[in-house]
N, C-alpha and C. Protein backbone atom coordinates (compact mmCIF):
# COMPACT_ATOMS: atom_id res chain seq x y z
N UNK A 1 11.53 6.70 17.61
CA UNK A 1 10.48 5.71 16.39
C UNK A 1 10.64 7.08 15.02
N UNK A 2 10.45 6.50 13.92
CA UNK A 2 10.46 7.86 13.17
C UNK A 2 9.02 7.73 13.09
N UNK A 3 8.68 8.99 12.81
CA UNK A 3 7.03 9.87 12.66
C UNK A 3 6.99 9.31 11.03
N UNK A 4 5.50 9.96 10.91
CA UNK A 4 5.37 9.95 9.64
C UNK A 4 5.81 10.79 8.44
N UNK A 5 6.43 11.76 8.62
CA UNK A 5 7.17 13.04 8.20
C UNK A 5 8.06 12.28 7.90
N UNK A 6 8.75 11.79 8.72
CA UNK A 6 10.31 11.38 8.51
C UNK A 6 10.38 10.20 7.89
N UNK A 7 9.00 9.67 7.84
CA UNK A 7 8.66 8.51 6.27
C UNK A 7 8.39 9.09 4.94
N UNK A 8 8.47 9.92 4.58
CA UNK A 8 8.20 10.62 3.70
C UNK A 8 9.09 9.87 2.25
N UNK A 9 10.52 9.75 2.74
CA UNK A 9 11.05 9.38 1.92
C UNK A 9 10.84 7.55 1.23
N UNK A 10 10.87 6.99 2.32
CA UNK A 10 10.45 6.06 2.31
C UNK A 10 8.87 5.38 1.39
N UNK A 11 8.45 6.01 2.13
CA UNK A 11 6.84 6.10 1.08
C UNK A 11 6.91 6.77 0.22
N UNK A 12 8.19 7.46 -0.45
CA UNK A 12 8.24 7.64 -1.98
C UNK A 12 9.12 6.35 -3.02
N UNK A 13 9.65 5.79 -2.02
CA UNK A 13 10.35 5.01 -2.80
C UNK A 13 9.03 3.59 -2.90
N UNK A 14 8.39 3.58 -1.86
CA UNK A 14 7.26 2.00 -1.78
C UNK A 14 6.30 2.34 -3.02
N UNK A 15 6.62 4.20 -3.42
CA UNK A 15 5.50 4.42 -4.66
C UNK A 15 6.34 3.53 -5.89
N UNK A 16 7.11 3.76 -5.93
CA UNK A 16 7.54 3.67 -7.43
C UNK A 16 7.80 1.44 -7.76
N UNK A 17 7.04 0.98 -6.97
CA UNK A 17 7.48 -0.58 -6.71
C UNK A 17 6.24 -1.31 -6.22
N UNK A 18 6.34 -2.49 -5.93
CA UNK A 18 5.41 -3.12 -5.12
C UNK A 18 5.95 -4.34 -4.29
N UNK A 19 5.38 -4.05 -3.04
CA UNK A 19 6.19 -4.63 -1.91
C UNK A 19 5.22 -5.69 -1.41
N UNK A 20 5.90 -6.41 -0.22
CA UNK A 20 5.07 -7.89 -0.04
C UNK A 20 3.55 -7.53 0.80
N UNK A 21 3.22 -6.37 1.54
CA UNK A 21 1.82 -6.07 1.95
C UNK A 21 1.46 -5.89 0.67
N UNK A 22 1.08 -5.67 -0.54
CA UNK A 22 0.94 -5.28 -2.17
C UNK A 22 0.73 -6.74 -2.90
N UNK A 23 1.48 -7.64 -2.82
CA UNK A 23 1.43 -8.76 -3.71
C UNK A 23 0.02 -9.42 -3.81
N UNK A 24 -0.56 -9.84 -2.58
CA UNK A 24 -1.71 -10.20 -2.41
C UNK A 24 -2.85 -9.53 -3.13
N UNK A 25 -3.06 -7.96 -3.25
CA UNK A 25 -3.82 -7.41 -3.63
C UNK A 25 -3.53 -7.71 -5.19
N UNK A 26 -2.58 -7.47 -5.70
CA UNK A 26 -2.30 -7.77 -7.63
C UNK A 26 -2.55 -9.21 -7.55
N UNK A 27 -2.08 -9.93 -6.44
CA UNK A 27 -2.83 -11.76 -6.81
C UNK A 27 -4.31 -11.74 -6.95
N UNK A 28 -4.94 -10.53 -6.43
CA UNK A 28 -6.36 -11.18 -6.28
C UNK A 28 -6.68 -11.65 -5.11
N UNK A 29 -5.62 -12.02 -4.06
CA UNK A 29 -6.41 -12.10 -2.73
C UNK A 29 -6.39 -11.46 -1.26
N UNK A 30 -6.35 -10.43 -1.45
CA UNK A 30 -6.10 -9.59 -0.29
C UNK A 30 -7.90 -8.73 -0.49
N UNK A 31 -9.14 -9.48 0.71
CA UNK A 31 -10.23 -9.14 0.86
C UNK A 31 -10.27 -7.55 0.53
N UNK A 32 -9.35 -6.74 0.93
CA UNK A 32 -9.28 -5.23 1.31
C UNK A 32 -9.04 -4.27 -0.19
N UNK A 33 -8.45 -4.66 -0.77
CA UNK A 33 -7.75 -3.84 -2.24
C UNK A 33 -7.61 -4.62 -3.33
N UNK A 34 -8.82 -4.45 -4.20
CA UNK A 34 -8.28 -5.31 -5.54
C UNK A 34 -7.40 -4.72 -6.07
N UNK A 35 -6.86 -5.45 -7.41
CA UNK A 35 -5.92 -5.38 -8.28
C UNK A 35 -6.00 -3.92 -8.93
N UNK A 36 -7.16 -3.31 -9.17
CA UNK A 36 -7.55 -1.98 -9.79
C UNK A 36 -7.23 -1.13 -8.55
N UNK A 37 -7.99 -1.16 -7.46
CA UNK A 37 -7.72 -0.26 -6.79
C UNK A 37 -6.28 0.19 -5.97
N UNK A 38 -5.34 -1.23 -6.13
CA UNK A 38 -3.94 -0.59 -6.04
C UNK A 38 -3.85 -0.18 -7.47
N UNK A 39 -3.63 -0.28 -8.71
CA UNK A 39 -3.18 0.42 -9.48
C UNK A 39 -3.56 2.03 -9.93
N UNK A 40 -4.12 2.12 -9.43
CA UNK A 40 -5.72 3.51 -8.77
C UNK A 40 -4.20 4.66 -8.15
N UNK A 41 -4.46 3.99 -7.02
CA UNK A 41 -3.00 4.10 -5.91
C UNK A 41 -1.70 4.66 -6.46
N UNK A 42 -1.25 3.86 -6.94
CA UNK A 42 0.10 3.13 -7.80
C UNK A 42 0.43 4.30 -9.12
N UNK A 43 -0.77 4.47 -9.32
CA UNK A 43 -0.72 5.96 -10.25
C UNK A 43 -1.01 7.44 -10.38
N UNK A 44 -1.33 7.18 -8.59
CA UNK A 44 -1.81 8.52 -8.21
C UNK A 44 -3.11 9.06 -8.83
N UNK A 45 -3.95 8.17 -9.13
CA UNK A 45 -5.15 8.71 -9.50
C UNK A 45 -6.25 8.85 -8.19
N UNK A 46 -6.11 8.06 -7.59
CA UNK A 46 -6.83 8.12 -5.71
C UNK A 46 -5.48 7.94 -5.07
N UNK A 47 -5.93 8.80 -3.67
CA UNK A 47 -4.88 9.02 -2.50
C UNK A 47 -4.20 7.78 -2.12
N UNK A 48 -3.32 7.67 -1.54
CA UNK A 48 -3.18 6.51 -0.80
C UNK A 48 -3.37 6.58 0.47
N UNK A 49 -4.02 5.65 1.30
CA UNK A 49 -4.67 5.22 2.85
C UNK A 49 -3.01 5.94 3.79
N UNK A 50 -3.15 6.82 4.45
CA UNK A 50 -2.47 7.85 5.37
C UNK A 50 -2.13 7.23 6.45
N UNK A 51 -3.23 6.44 6.73
CA UNK A 51 -2.96 5.66 8.00
C UNK A 51 -3.86 6.07 9.39
N UNK A 52 -3.94 5.04 10.29
CA UNK A 52 -4.86 5.66 11.20
C UNK A 52 -4.32 5.50 12.69
N UNK A 53 -5.43 5.42 13.70
CA UNK A 53 -4.68 5.31 15.02
C UNK A 53 -3.94 3.89 15.52
N UNK A 54 -4.90 2.85 14.54
CA UNK A 54 -4.22 1.18 14.54
C UNK A 54 -2.98 1.49 13.85
N UNK A 55 -2.77 1.89 12.29
CA UNK A 55 -1.28 1.76 12.02
C UNK A 55 -0.44 2.66 12.87
N UNK A 56 -0.55 3.74 13.42
CA UNK A 56 0.01 3.86 14.56
C UNK A 56 0.52 3.77 15.53
N UNK A 57 -0.24 2.90 15.86
CA UNK A 57 0.20 1.84 17.08
C UNK A 57 1.33 0.41 16.94
N UNK A 58 0.53 0.15 15.48
CA UNK A 58 1.69 -0.86 14.71
C UNK A 58 2.62 -0.80 14.64
N UNK A 59 3.25 0.64 13.75
CA UNK A 59 4.62 1.38 13.80
C UNK A 59 5.11 1.66 14.87
N UNK A 60 4.75 1.70 16.53
CA UNK A 60 4.94 2.07 17.54
C UNK A 60 5.47 0.68 17.98
N UNK A 61 4.71 -0.69 17.60
CA UNK A 61 4.74 -2.20 18.33
C UNK A 61 5.74 -2.86 17.37
N UNK A 62 6.00 -2.94 16.10
CA UNK A 62 7.04 -3.19 15.52
C UNK A 62 8.29 -3.85 16.47
N UNK A 63 8.95 -2.99 16.71
CA UNK A 63 9.97 -3.27 17.25
C UNK A 63 10.11 -4.39 18.38
N UNK A 64 8.91 -4.12 19.34
CA UNK A 64 8.39 -5.26 20.78
C UNK A 64 8.32 -6.52 19.68
N UNK A 65 7.13 -6.42 18.42
CA UNK A 65 6.87 -7.58 17.88
C UNK A 65 7.96 -8.44 17.29
N UNK A 66 9.10 -7.45 16.75
CA UNK A 66 10.64 -8.22 16.07
C UNK A 66 10.88 -8.92 17.88
N UNK A 67 11.59 -8.39 18.57
CA UNK A 67 12.01 -9.28 19.28
C UNK A 67 11.24 -10.35 20.18
N UNK A 68 9.65 -10.36 20.24
CA UNK A 68 9.20 -11.39 20.32
C UNK A 68 9.41 -12.90 19.28
N UNK A 69 9.52 -12.11 18.06
CA UNK A 69 9.61 -12.97 17.28
C UNK A 69 11.43 -13.93 17.50
N UNK A 70 12.02 -12.84 17.81
CA UNK A 70 13.32 -13.10 17.75
C UNK A 70 13.65 -14.13 18.60
N UNK A 71 12.98 -13.67 19.60
CA UNK A 71 12.69 -14.77 21.38
C UNK A 71 12.15 -16.29 21.21
N UNK A 72 10.68 -16.27 20.76
CA UNK A 72 9.86 -17.44 20.35
C UNK A 72 11.08 -18.34 19.35
N UNK A 73 11.10 -17.66 18.35
CA UNK A 73 11.81 -18.85 17.06
C UNK A 73 13.53 -19.07 17.09
N UNK A 74 14.24 -17.98 17.96
CA UNK A 74 15.63 -17.89 18.00
C UNK A 74 16.28 -17.75 16.98
N UNK A 75 15.67 -17.22 15.82
CA UNK A 75 15.83 -16.57 14.58
C UNK A 75 16.47 -14.97 14.92
N UNK A 76 17.44 -14.58 13.85
CA UNK A 76 17.73 -13.04 14.42
C UNK A 76 17.45 -12.12 12.86
N UNK A 77 16.34 -11.24 13.47
CA UNK A 77 15.94 -10.46 12.21
C UNK A 77 17.54 -8.90 11.98
N UNK A 78 17.68 -8.59 11.22
CA UNK A 78 18.95 -8.10 10.67
C UNK A 78 17.66 -6.23 10.25
N UNK A 79 18.81 -5.64 10.44
CA UNK A 79 18.11 -4.39 9.86
C UNK A 79 16.97 -3.53 11.15
N UNK A 80 16.71 -2.21 10.31
CA UNK A 80 15.83 -2.00 11.47
C UNK A 80 14.32 -1.74 10.64
N UNK A 81 13.83 -2.06 9.74
CA UNK A 81 12.72 -1.89 8.74
C UNK A 81 12.83 -0.69 7.88
N UNK A 82 13.82 -0.25 8.11
CA UNK A 82 13.97 1.54 6.88
C UNK A 82 14.86 1.32 5.90
N UNK A 83 15.16 0.21 6.05
CA UNK A 83 16.20 -0.26 4.97
C UNK A 83 15.62 -0.45 3.35
N UNK A 84 15.88 -0.39 1.98
CA UNK A 84 15.32 0.00 1.20
C UNK A 84 16.16 -1.55 0.27
N UNK A 85 15.15 -2.55 -0.26
CA UNK A 85 15.91 -2.89 -1.20
C UNK A 85 14.91 -3.75 -2.21
N UNK A 86 15.46 -2.99 -3.89
CA UNK A 86 15.00 -3.76 -4.78
C UNK A 86 15.67 -4.87 -5.66
N UNK A 87 14.72 -5.63 -6.00
CA UNK A 87 15.60 -6.74 -6.85
C UNK A 87 16.58 -6.31 -8.22
N UNK A 88 17.48 -7.38 -8.14
CA UNK A 88 18.31 -6.52 -9.13
C UNK A 88 17.88 -6.60 -10.35
N UNK A 89 16.73 -7.60 -11.03
CA UNK A 89 16.66 -8.08 -11.97
C UNK A 89 15.18 -7.20 -12.60
N UNK A 90 14.43 -7.24 -11.41
CA UNK A 90 12.94 -6.79 -11.19
C UNK A 90 13.17 -6.03 -10.21
N UNK A 91 13.28 -4.38 -10.67
CA UNK A 91 12.98 -3.63 -9.81
C UNK A 91 12.09 -3.12 -9.44
N UNK A 92 10.82 -3.66 -10.07
CA UNK A 92 9.39 -2.89 -9.07
C UNK A 92 9.38 -3.96 -8.35
N UNK A 93 9.81 -4.78 -7.90
CA UNK A 93 9.81 -6.08 -6.69
C UNK A 93 10.73 -5.03 -5.71
N UNK A 94 10.18 -4.65 -4.56
CA UNK A 94 10.81 -3.91 -3.50
C UNK A 94 10.42 -4.59 -2.17
N UNK A 95 10.87 -3.79 -0.97
CA UNK A 95 11.16 -4.51 0.19
C UNK A 95 11.86 -3.86 1.35
N UNK A 96 11.45 -3.88 2.57
CA UNK A 96 12.09 -3.46 3.54
C UNK A 96 12.61 -4.35 4.51
């Protein structure tokens, strides 16, 4: 499992666009972050959330959750989650 330091490149790539976990903030649907707060983070006006013990545990459990999803749905997930995808026409739309 990659550590936070090993994910520095991934975080750098994420900073250049809007990912799936941020779109709810853009649309005003995230009760924990306003569109303005997201803009402040994206533009470097405030520090981004560095994580905590809960997000760290979530990172460790991602492969387990993925396996459970595959077992329950019969669908296969592709990639390790470390692959970076950018929309060919809208470069600000990013995902892993």
